[in-house]
Amino acid sequence: MEKLNEIAQKAYECAVRRGKIDPDNDSNNNLHRDLLEEVAEVFECTGEKSPHIKEYLDVEEELADVIIVALSTLHHFKCDIDSLIEAKMNYNKNRMD
């Protein structure tokens, strides 16, 4: 199984290829807006079959997009995603709110 850092690398390369992320100029990037747009698409879902990936629901496909954009953004900022997720999960397991 691939680590999140490896998946993020592939997602980032795809985002760069598609013109979603400019690796050389952060002022050209709207990374937070892109993530917000993907989250907004989740709220538009109807719970029906995805029109693009037949074996999944539309909400599942859109949540996958949220994850992909988040991973690409973290990779852009050179984050060790595997370590971050582990640290955040450890922090959350002790929270009481």
PDB file of N, CA and C in Angstrom:
ATOM      1  N   MET A   1       0.848  -1.186   0.000  1.00  0.00           N
ATOM      2  CA  MET A   1       0.000   0.000   0.000  1.00  0.00           C
ATOM      3  C   MET A   1       0.890   1.245   0.000  1.00  0.00           C
ATOM      4  N   GLU A   2       0.500   2.200  -0.815  1.00  0.00           N
ATOM      5  CA  GLU A   2       1.267   3.435  -0.904  1.00  0.00           C
ATOM      6  C   GLU A   2       1.059   4.300   0.334  1.00  0.00           C
ATOM      7  N   LYS A   3       2.085   5.023   0.678  1.00  0.00           N
ATOM      8  CA  LYS A   3       1.994   6.010   1.750  1.00  0.00           C
ATOM      9  C   LYS A   3       1.282   7.241   1.209  1.00  0.00           C
ATOM     10  N   LEU A   4       0.731   8.032   2.111  1.00  0.00           N
ATOM     11  CA  LEU A   4       0.046   9.256   1.691  1.00  0.00           C
ATOM     12  C   LEU A   4       0.982  10.200   0.953  1.00  0.00           C
ATOM     13  N   ASN A   5       2.245  10.270   1.386  1.00  0.00           N
ATOM     14  CA  ASN A   5       3.202  11.142   0.695  1.00  0.00           C
ATOM     15  C   ASN A   5       3.359  10.742  -0.770  1.00  0.00           C
ATOM     16  N   GLU A   6       3.342   9.445  -1.052  1.00  0.00           N
ATOM     17  CA  GLU A   6       3.481   8.969  -2.432  1.00  0.00           C
ATOM     18  C   GLU A   6       2.227   9.282  -3.244  1.00  0.00           C
ATOM     19  N   ILE A   7       1.073   9.098  -2.637  1.00  0.00           N
ATOM     20  CA  ILE A   7      -0.182   9.428  -3.314  1.00  0.00           C
ATOM     21  C   ILE A   7      -0.241  10.927  -3.581  1.00  0.00           C
ATOM     22  N   ALA A   8       0.180  11.723  -2.598  1.00  0.00           N
ATOM     23  CA  ALA A   8       0.177  13.181  -2.744  1.00  0.00           C
ATOM     24  C   ALA A   8       1.091  13.623  -3.874  1.00  0.00           C
ATOM     25  N   GLN A   9       2.235  12.970  -4.019  1.00  0.00           N
ATOM     26  CA  GLN A   9       3.165  13.294  -5.109  1.00  0.00           C
ATOM     27  C   GLN A   9       2.475  13.106  -6.459  1.00  0.00           C
ATOM     28  N   LYS A  10       1.775  11.982  -6.620  1.00  0.00           N
ATOM     29  CA  LYS A  10       1.066  11.712  -7.875  1.00  0.00           C
ATOM     30  C   LYS A  10      -0.062  12.722  -8.101  1.00  0.00           C
ATOM     31  N   ALA A  11      -0.801  13.041  -7.044  1.00  0.00           N
ATOM     32  CA  ALA A  11      -1.896  14.011  -7.159  1.00  0.00           C
ATOM     33  C   ALA A  11      -1.351  15.384  -7.519  1.00  0.00           C
ATOM     34  N   TYR A  12      -0.220  15.747  -6.913  1.00  0.00           N
ATOM     35  CA  TYR A  12       0.412  17.037  -7.183  1.00  0.00           C
ATOM     36  C   TYR A  12       0.875  17.115  -8.639  1.00  0.00           C
ATOM     37  N   GLU A  13       1.531  16.067  -9.110  1.00  0.00           N
ATOM     38  CA  GLU A  13       1.999  16.043 -10.500  1.00  0.00           C
ATOM     39  C   GLU A  13       0.829  16.178 -11.470  1.00  0.00           C
ATOM     40  N   CYS A  14      -0.280  15.541 -11.161  1.00  0.00           N
ATOM     41  CA  CYS A  14      -1.479  15.651 -11.998  1.00  0.00           C
ATOM     42  C   CYS A  14      -2.024  17.078 -11.957  1.00  0.00           C
ATOM     43  N   ALA A  15      -2.053  17.690 -10.776  1.00  0.00           N
ATOM     44  CA  ALA A  15      -2.557  19.063 -10.639  1.00  0.00           C
ATOM     45  C   ALA A  15      -1.677  20.047 -11.405  1.00  0.00           C
ATOM     46  N   VAL A  16      -0.366  19.839 -11.367  1.00  0.00           N
ATOM     47  CA  VAL A  16       0.553  20.698 -12.122  1.00  0.00           C
ATOM     48  C   VAL A  16       0.318  20.510 -13.618  1.00  0.00           C
ATOM     49  N   ARG A  17       0.216  19.262 -14.056  1.00  0.00           N
ATOM     50  CA  ARG A  17      -0.012  18.962 -15.477  1.00  0.00           C
ATOM     51  C   ARG A  17      -1.306  19.590 -15.977  1.00  0.00           C
ATOM     52  N   ARG A  18      -2.331  19.602 -15.142  1.00  0.00           N
ATOM     53  CA  ARG A  18      -3.637  20.150 -15.522  1.00  0.00           C
ATOM     54  C   ARG A  18      -3.722  21.664 -15.337  1.00  0.00           C
ATOM     55  N   GLY A  19      -2.640  22.279 -14.827  1.00  0.00           N
ATOM     56  CA  GLY A  19      -2.635  23.728 -14.632  1.00  0.00           C
ATOM     57  C   GLY A  19      -3.346  24.188 -13.377  1.00  0.00           C
ATOM     58  N   LYS A  20      -3.631  23.268 -12.469  1.00  0.00           N
ATOM     59  CA  LYS A  20      -4.306  23.613 -11.218  1.00  0.00           C
ATOM     60  C   LYS A  20      -3.336  24.219 -10.210  1.00  0.00           C
ATOM     61  N   ILE A  21      -2.060  23.830 -10.292  1.00  0.00           N
ATOM     62  CA  ILE A  21      -1.021  24.343  -9.395  1.00  0.00           C
ATOM     63  C   ILE A  21       0.159  24.781 -10.238  1.00  0.00           C
ATOM     64  N   ASP A  22       0.657  25.984  -9.960  1.00  0.00           N
ATOM     65  CA  ASP A  22       1.883  26.490 -10.583  1.00  0.00           C
ATOM     66  C   ASP A  22       3.005  26.283  -9.578  1.00  0.00           C
ATOM     67  N   PRO A  23       3.902  25.333  -9.833  1.00  0.00           N
ATOM     68  CA  PRO A  23       4.937  25.025  -8.848  1.00  0.00           C
ATOM     69  C   PRO A  23       5.962  26.143  -8.672  1.00  0.00           C
ATOM     70  N   ASP A  24       6.004  27.084  -9.612  1.00  0.00           N
ATOM     71  CA  ASP A  24       7.030  28.121  -9.593  1.00  0.00           C
ATOM     72  C   ASP A  24       6.542  29.474  -9.096  1.00  0.00           C
ATOM     73  N   ASN A  25       5.246  29.650  -8.936  1.00  0.00           N
ATOM     74  CA  ASN A  25       4.730  30.973  -8.595  1.00  0.00           C
ATOM     75  C   ASN A  25       3.483  30.847  -7.729  1.00  0.00           C
ATOM     76  N   ASP A  26       3.654  30.967  -6.419  1.00  0.00           N
ATOM     77  CA  ASP A  26       2.516  30.821  -5.510  1.00  0.00           C
ATOM     78  C   ASP A  26       1.442  31.875  -5.721  1.00  0.00           C
ATOM     79  N   SER A  27       1.805  33.037  -6.263  1.00  0.00           N
ATOM     80  CA  SER A  27       0.787  34.069  -6.475  1.00  0.00           C
ATOM     81  C   SER A  27      -0.211  33.655  -7.557  1.00  0.00           C
ATOM     82  N   ASN A  28       0.147  32.664  -8.373  1.00  0.00           N
ATOM     83  CA  ASN A  28      -0.771  32.147  -9.391  1.00  0.00           C
ATOM     84  C   ASN A  28      -1.695  31.065  -8.844  1.00  0.00           C
ATOM     85  N   ASN A  29      -1.445  30.627  -7.635  1.00  0.00           N
ATOM     86  CA  ASN A  29      -2.201  29.517  -7.064  1.00  0.00           C
ATOM     87  C   ASN A  29      -3.335  30.026  -6.180  1.00  0.00           C
ATOM     88  N   ASN A  30      -4.438  29.335  -6.251  1.00  0.00           N
ATOM     89  CA  ASN A  30      -5.593  29.606  -5.394  1.00  0.00           C
ATOM     90  C   ASN A  30      -5.930  28.326  -4.643  1.00  0.00           C
ATOM     91  N   LEU A  31      -4.948  27.818  -3.898  1.00  0.00           N
ATOM     92  CA  LEU A  31      -5.074  26.502  -3.298  1.00  0.00           C
ATOM     93  C   LEU A  31      -6.228  26.423  -2.304  1.00  0.00           C
ATOM     94  N   HIS A  32      -6.405  27.457  -1.504  1.00  0.00           N
ATOM     95  CA  HIS A  32      -7.487  27.433  -0.521  1.00  0.00           C
ATOM     96  C   HIS A  32      -8.849  27.523  -1.209  1.00  0.00           C
ATOM     97  N   ARG A  33      -8.929  28.340  -2.246  1.00  0.00           N
ATOM     98  CA  ARG A  33     -10.177  28.457  -2.997  1.00  0.00           C
ATOM     99  C   ARG A  33     -10.518  27.128  -3.666  1.00  0.00           C
ATOM    100  N   ASP A  34      -9.509  26.478  -4.231  1.00  0.00           N
ATOM    101  CA  ASP A  34      -9.742  25.189  -4.886  1.00  0.00           C
ATOM    102  C   ASP A  34     -10.298  24.166  -3.899  1.00  0.00           C
ATOM    103  N   LEU A  35      -9.751  24.145  -2.695  1.00  0.00           N
ATOM    104  CA  LEU A  35     -10.235  23.213  -1.676  1.00  0.00           C
ATOM    105  C   LEU A  35     -11.675  23.555  -1.281  1.00  0.00           C
ATOM    106  N   LEU A  36     -11.950  24.835  -1.104  1.00  0.00           N
ATOM    107  CA  LEU A  36     -13.301  25.270  -0.752  1.00  0.00           C
ATOM    108  C   LEU A  36     -14.305  24.894  -1.844  1.00  0.00           C
ATOM    109  N   GLU A  37     -13.913  25.038  -3.099  1.00  0.00           N
ATOM    110  CA  GLU A  37     -14.801  24.666  -4.209  1.00  0.00           C
ATOM    111  C   GLU A  37     -15.118  23.173  -4.194  1.00  0.00           C
ATOM    112  N   GLU A  38     -14.120  22.362  -3.882  1.00  0.00           N
ATOM    113  CA  GLU A  38     -14.361  20.915  -3.824  1.00  0.00           C
ATOM    114  C   GLU A  38     -15.296  20.561  -2.674  1.00  0.00           C
ATOM    115  N   VAL A  39     -15.118  21.213  -1.526  1.00  0.00           N
ATOM    116  CA  VAL A  39     -16.014  20.970  -0.388  1.00  0.00           C
ATOM    117  C   VAL A  39     -17.437  21.389  -0.753  1.00  0.00           C
ATOM    118  N   ALA A  40     -17.578  22.521  -1.434  1.00  0.00           N
ATOM    119  CA  ALA A  40     -18.907  22.990  -1.843  1.00  0.00           C
ATOM    120  C   ALA A  40     -19.591  21.973  -2.747  1.00  0.00           C
ATOM    121  N   GLU A  41     -18.833  21.301  -3.595  1.00  0.00           N
ATOM    122  CA  GLU A  41     -19.416  20.297  -4.488  1.00  0.00           C
ATOM    123  C   GLU A  41     -19.991  19.115  -3.717  1.00  0.00           C
ATOM    124  N   VAL A  42     -19.431  18.820  -2.543  1.00  0.00           N
ATOM    125  CA  VAL A  42     -19.973  17.740  -1.711  1.00  0.00           C
ATOM    126  C   VAL A  42     -21.413  18.065  -1.320  1.00  0.00           C
ATOM    127  N   PHE A  43     -21.668  19.330  -1.004  1.00  0.00           N
ATOM    128  CA  PHE A  43     -23.008  19.735  -0.581  1.00  0.00           C
ATOM    129  C   PHE A  43     -24.022  19.708  -1.720  1.00  0.00           C
ATOM    130  N   GLU A  44     -23.551  19.665  -2.946  1.00  0.00           N
ATOM    131  CA  GLU A  44     -24.441  19.602  -4.107  1.00  0.00           C
ATOM    132  C   GLU A  44     -24.811  18.165  -4.484  1.00  0.00           C
ATOM    133  N   CYS A  45     -24.199  17.202  -3.838  1.00  0.00           N
ATOM    134  CA  CYS A  45     -24.422  15.798  -4.176  1.00  0.00           C
ATOM    135  C   CYS A  45     -25.828  15.353  -3.788  1.00  0.00           C
ATOM    136  N   THR A  46     -26.306  14.366  -4.519  1.00  0.00           N
ATOM    137  CA  THR A  46     -27.654  13.838  -4.302  1.00  0.00           C
ATOM    138  C   THR A  46     -27.649  12.430  -3.714  1.00  0.00           C
ATOM    139  N   GLY A  47     -26.462  11.826  -3.607  1.00  0.00           N
ATOM    140  CA  GLY A  47     -26.386  10.458  -3.115  1.00  0.00           C
ATOM    141  C   GLY A  47     -26.643   9.423  -4.191  1.00  0.00           C
ATOM    142  N   GLU A  48     -26.680   9.873  -5.430  1.00  0.00           N
ATOM    143  CA  GLU A  48     -26.887   8.962  -6.552  1.00  0.00           C
ATOM    144  C   GLU A  48     -25.544   8.462  -7.073  1.00  0.00           C
ATOM    145  N   LYS A  49     -25.611   7.540  -8.006  1.00  0.00           N
ATOM    146  CA  LYS A  49     -24.387   7.012  -8.620  1.00  0.00           C
ATOM    147  C   LYS A  49     -23.590   8.141  -9.254  1.00  0.00           C
ATOM    148  N   SER A  50     -22.283   8.050  -9.129  1.00  0.00           N
ATOM    149  CA  SER A  50     -21.409   9.029  -9.771  1.00  0.00           C
ATOM    150  C   SER A  50     -21.544   8.909 -11.284  1.00  0.00           C
ATOM    151  N   PRO A  51     -21.613  10.029 -11.985  1.00  0.00           N
ATOM    152  CA  PRO A  51     -21.674   9.953 -13.447  1.00  0.00           C
ATOM    153  C   PRO A  51     -20.325   9.602 -14.075  1.00  0.00           C
ATOM    154  N   HIS A  52     -19.254   9.699 -13.286  1.00  0.00           N
ATOM    155  CA  HIS A  52     -17.908   9.468 -13.816  1.00  0.00           C
ATOM    156  C   HIS A  52     -17.322   8.117 -13.407  1.00  0.00           C
ATOM    157  N   ILE A  53     -17.611   7.687 -12.184  1.00  0.00           N
ATOM    158  CA  ILE A  53     -17.063   6.433 -11.660  1.00  0.00           C
ATOM    159  C   ILE A  53     -18.258   5.617 -11.158  1.00  0.00           C
ATOM    160  N   LYS A  54     -18.749   4.742 -11.991  1.00  0.00           N
ATOM    161  CA  LYS A  54     -20.045   4.083 -11.795  1.00  0.00           C
ATOM    162  C   LYS A  54     -20.171   3.286 -10.497  1.00  0.00           C
ATOM    163  N   GLU A  55     -19.070   2.761  -9.975  1.00  0.00           N
ATOM    164  CA  GLU A  55     -19.177   1.921  -8.783  1.00  0.00           C
ATOM    165  C   GLU A  55     -19.207   2.722  -7.482  1.00  0.00           C
ATOM    166  N   TYR A  56     -19.233   4.056  -7.587  1.00  0.00           N
ATOM    167  CA  TYR A  56     -19.272   4.912  -6.400  1.00  0.00           C
ATOM    168  C   TYR A  56     -20.413   5.911  -6.497  1.00  0.00           C
ATOM    169  N   LEU A  57     -20.809   6.420  -5.346  1.00  0.00           N
ATOM    170  CA  LEU A  57     -21.807   7.478  -5.296  1.00  0.00           C
ATOM    171  C   LEU A  57     -21.160   8.821  -5.606  1.00  0.00           C
ATOM    172  N   ASP A  58     -21.985   9.781  -6.016  1.00  0.00           N
ATOM    173  CA  ASP A  58     -21.450  11.109  -6.324  1.00  0.00           C
ATOM    174  C   ASP A  58     -20.777  11.741  -5.108  1.00  0.00           C
ATOM    175  N   VAL A  59     -21.336  11.531  -3.919  1.00  0.00           N
ATOM    176  CA  VAL A  59     -20.744  12.108  -2.710  1.00  0.00           C
ATOM    177  C   VAL A  59     -19.373  11.490  -2.426  1.00  0.00           C
ATOM    178  N   GLU A  60     -19.223  10.208  -2.693  1.00  0.00           N
ATOM    179  CA  GLU A  60     -17.926   9.552  -2.496  1.00  0.00           C
ATOM    180  C   GLU A  60     -16.887  10.120  -3.459  1.00  0.00           C
ATOM    181  N   GLU A  61     -17.291  10.306  -4.699  1.00  0.00           N
ATOM    182  CA  GLU A  61     -16.372  10.875  -5.690  1.00  0.00           C
ATOM    183  C   GLU A  61     -15.939  12.285  -5.289  1.00  0.00           C
ATOM    184  N   GLU A  62     -16.888  13.094  -4.844  1.00  0.00           N
ATOM    185  CA  GLU A  62     -16.551  14.472  -4.472  1.00  0.00           C
ATOM    186  C   GLU A  62     -15.696  14.523  -3.211  1.00  0.00           C
ATOM    187  N   LEU A  63     -15.945  13.639  -2.258  1.00  0.00           N
ATOM    188  CA  LEU A  63     -15.083  13.579  -1.073  1.00  0.00           C
ATOM    189  C   LEU A  63     -13.668  13.153  -1.457  1.00  0.00           C
ATOM    190  N   ALA A  64     -13.552  12.274  -2.439  1.00  0.00           N
ATOM    191  CA  ALA A  64     -12.228  11.899  -2.941  1.00  0.00           C
ATOM    192  C   ALA A  64     -11.524  13.117  -3.524  1.00  0.00           C
ATOM    193  N   ASP A  65     -12.266  13.970  -4.241  1.00  0.00           N
ATOM    194  CA  ASP A  65     -11.674  15.202  -4.774  1.00  0.00           C
ATOM    195  C   ASP A  65     -11.171  16.108  -3.655  1.00  0.00           C
ATOM    196  N   VAL A  66     -11.923  16.197  -2.560  1.00  0.00           N
ATOM    197  CA  VAL A  66     -11.489  17.003  -1.413  1.00  0.00           C
ATOM    198  C   VAL A  66     -10.152  16.479  -0.895  1.00  0.00           C
ATOM    199  N   ILE A  67     -10.058  15.166  -0.759  1.00  0.00           N
ATOM    200  CA  ILE A  67      -8.820  14.554  -0.267  1.00  0.00           C
ATOM    201  C   ILE A  67      -7.674  14.804  -1.241  1.00  0.00           C
ATOM    202  N   ILE A  68      -7.927  14.642  -2.524  1.00  0.00           N
ATOM    203  CA  ILE A  68      -6.887  14.832  -3.540  1.00  0.00           C
ATOM    204  C   ILE A  68      -6.364  16.260  -3.527  1.00  0.00           C
ATOM    205  N   VAL A  69      -7.266  17.237  -3.460  1.00  0.00           N
ATOM    206  CA  VAL A  69      -6.833  18.640  -3.439  1.00  0.00           C
ATOM    207  C   VAL A  69      -6.072  18.937  -2.150  1.00  0.00           C
ATOM    208  N   ALA A  70      -6.544  18.412  -1.023  1.00  0.00           N
ATOM    209  CA  ALA A  70      -5.838  18.628   0.242  1.00  0.00           C
ATOM    210  C   ALA A  70      -4.438  18.017   0.198  1.00  0.00           C
ATOM    211  N   LEU A  71      -4.324  16.799  -0.318  1.00  0.00           N
ATOM    212  CA  LEU A  71      -3.011  16.155  -0.416  1.00  0.00           C
ATOM    213  C   LEU A  71      -2.085  16.923  -1.353  1.00  0.00           C
ATOM    214  N   SER A  72      -2.607  17.372  -2.477  1.00  0.00           N
ATOM    215  CA  SER A  72      -1.799  18.147  -3.427  1.00  0.00           C
ATOM    216  C   SER A  72      -1.295  19.434  -2.792  1.00  0.00           C
ATOM    217  N   THR A  73      -2.171  20.099  -2.046  1.00  0.00           N
ATOM    218  CA  THR A  73      -1.796  21.350  -1.385  1.00  0.00           C
ATOM    219  C   THR A  73      -0.723  21.111  -0.339  1.00  0.00           C
ATOM    220  N   LEU A  74      -0.897  20.096   0.485  1.00  0.00           N
ATOM    221  CA  LEU A  74       0.115  19.780   1.495  1.00  0.00           C
ATOM    222  C   LEU A  74       1.445  19.427   0.841  1.00  0.00           C
ATOM    223  N   HIS A  75       1.398  18.675  -0.248  1.00  0.00           N
ATOM    224  CA  HIS A  75       2.633  18.328  -0.954  1.00  0.00           C
ATOM    225  C   HIS A  75       3.306  19.581  -1.511  1.00  0.00           C
ATOM    226  N   HIS A  76       2.512  20.507  -2.034  1.00  0.00           N
ATOM    227  CA  HIS A  76       3.057  21.759  -2.576  1.00  0.00           C
ATOM    228  C   HIS A  76       3.871  22.499  -1.512  1.00  0.00           C
ATOM    229  N   PHE A  77       3.401  22.440  -0.272  1.00  0.00           N
ATOM    230  CA  PHE A  77       4.093  23.116   0.829  1.00  0.00           C
ATOM    231  C   PHE A  77       5.147  22.231   1.488  1.00  0.00           C
ATOM    232  N   LYS A  78       5.476  21.112   0.819  1.00  0.00           N
ATOM    233  CA  LYS A  78       6.552  20.209   1.246  1.00  0.00           C
ATOM    234  C   LYS A  78       6.307  19.584   2.628  1.00  0.00           C
ATOM    235  N   CYS A  79       5.062  19.302   2.912  1.00  0.00           N
ATOM    236  CA  CYS A  79       4.672  18.723   4.194  1.00  0.00           C
ATOM    237  C   CYS A  79       4.903  17.209   4.187  1.00  0.00           C
ATOM    238  N   ASP A  80       5.392  16.671   5.291  1.00  0.00           N
ATOM    239  CA  ASP A  80       5.462  15.222   5.477  1.00  0.00           C
ATOM    240  C   ASP A  80       4.071  14.789   5.943  1.00  0.00           C
ATOM    241  N   ILE A  81       3.245  14.419   5.002  1.00  0.00           N
ATOM    242  CA  ILE A  81       1.832  14.172   5.263  1.00  0.00           C
ATOM    243  C   ILE A  81       1.631  12.967   6.175  1.00  0.00           C
ATOM    244  N   ASP A  82       2.398  11.910   5.967  1.00  0.00           N
ATOM    245  CA  ASP A  82       2.256  10.725   6.809  1.00  0.00           C
ATOM    246  C   ASP A  82       2.491  11.070   8.275  1.00  0.00           C
ATOM    247  N   SER A  83       3.541  11.832   8.550  1.00  0.00           N
ATOM    248  CA  SER A  83       3.846  12.229   9.929  1.00  0.00           C
ATOM    249  C   SER A  83       2.797  13.183  10.475  1.00  0.00           C
ATOM    250  N   LEU A  84       2.355  14.109   9.643  1.00  0.00           N
ATOM    251  CA  LEU A  84       1.337  15.069  10.073  1.00  0.00           C
ATOM    252  C   LEU A  84       0.049  14.363  10.469  1.00  0.00           C
ATOM    253  N   ILE A  85      -0.421  13.446   9.637  1.00  0.00           N
ATOM    254  CA  ILE A  85      -1.676  12.742   9.925  1.00  0.00           C
ATOM    255  C   ILE A  85      -1.547  11.924  11.203  1.00  0.00           C
ATOM    256  N   GLU A  86      -0.427  11.251  11.370  1.00  0.00           N
ATOM    257  CA  GLU A  86      -0.217  10.478  12.596  1.00  0.00           C
ATOM    258  C   GLU A  86      -0.217  11.391  13.820  1.00  0.00           C
ATOM    259  N   ALA A  87       0.482  12.524  13.733  1.00  0.00           N
ATOM    260  CA  ALA A  87       0.529  13.466  14.854  1.00  0.00           C
ATOM    261  C   ALA A  87      -0.856  14.035  15.152  1.00  0.00           C
ATOM    262  N   LYS A  88      -1.597  14.371  14.112  1.00  0.00           N
ATOM    263  CA  LYS A  88      -2.932  14.944  14.303  1.00  0.00           C
ATOM    264  C   LYS A  88      -3.888  13.916  14.897  1.00  0.00           C
ATOM    265  N   MET A  89      -3.798  12.667  14.462  1.00  0.00           N
ATOM    266  CA  MET A  89      -4.654  11.622  15.030  1.00  0.00           C
ATOM    267  C   MET A  89      -4.321  11.385  16.498  1.00  0.00           C
ATOM    268  N   ASN A  90      -3.036  11.407  16.833  1.00  0.00           N
ATOM    269  CA  ASN A  90      -2.636  11.262  18.236  1.00  0.00           C
ATOM    270  C   ASN A  90      -3.167  12.410  19.077  1.00  0.00           C
ATOM    271  N   TYR A  91      -3.109  13.607  18.532  1.00  0.00           N
ATOM    272  CA  TYR A  91      -3.645  14.771  19.237  1.00  0.00           C
ATOM    273  C   TYR A  91      -5.158  14.623  19.424  1.00  0.00           C
ATOM    274  N   ASN A  92      -5.857  14.237  18.366  1.00  0.00           N
ATOM    275  CA  ASN A  92      -7.320  14.142  18.424  1.00  0.00           C
ATOM    276  C   ASN A  92      -7.819  13.063  19.379  1.00  0.00           C
ATOM    277  N   LYS A  93      -7.085  11.975  19.531  1.00  0.00           N
ATOM    278  CA  LYS A  93      -7.590  10.894  20.382  1.00  0.00           C
ATOM    279  C   LYS A  93      -7.663  11.298  21.847  1.00  0.00           C
ATOM    280  N   ASN A  94      -6.955  12.345  22.223  1.00  0.00           N
ATOM    281  CA  ASN A  94      -6.987  12.818  23.608  1.00  0.00           C
ATOM    282  C   ASN A  94      -7.894  14.026  23.805  1.00  0.00           C
ATOM    283  N   ARG A  95      -8.494  14.507  22.744  1.00  0.00           N
ATOM    284  CA  ARG A  95      -9.377  15.678  22.844  1.00  0.00           C
ATOM    285  C   ARG A  95     -10.725  15.274  23.425  1.00  0.00           C
ATOM    286  N   MET A  96     -11.308  16.186  24.129  1.00  0.00           N
ATOM    287  CA  MET A  96     -12.613  15.916  24.730  1.00  0.00           C
ATOM    288  C   MET A  96     -13.702  16.827  24.164  1.00  0.00           C
ATOM    289  N   ASP A  97     -13.396  17.607  23.141  1.00  0.00           N
ATOM    290  CA  ASP A  97     -14.410  18.506  22.573  1.00  0.00           C
ATOM    291  C   ASP A  97     -14.972  17.960  21.287  1.00  0.00           C
TER     292      ASP A  97
END
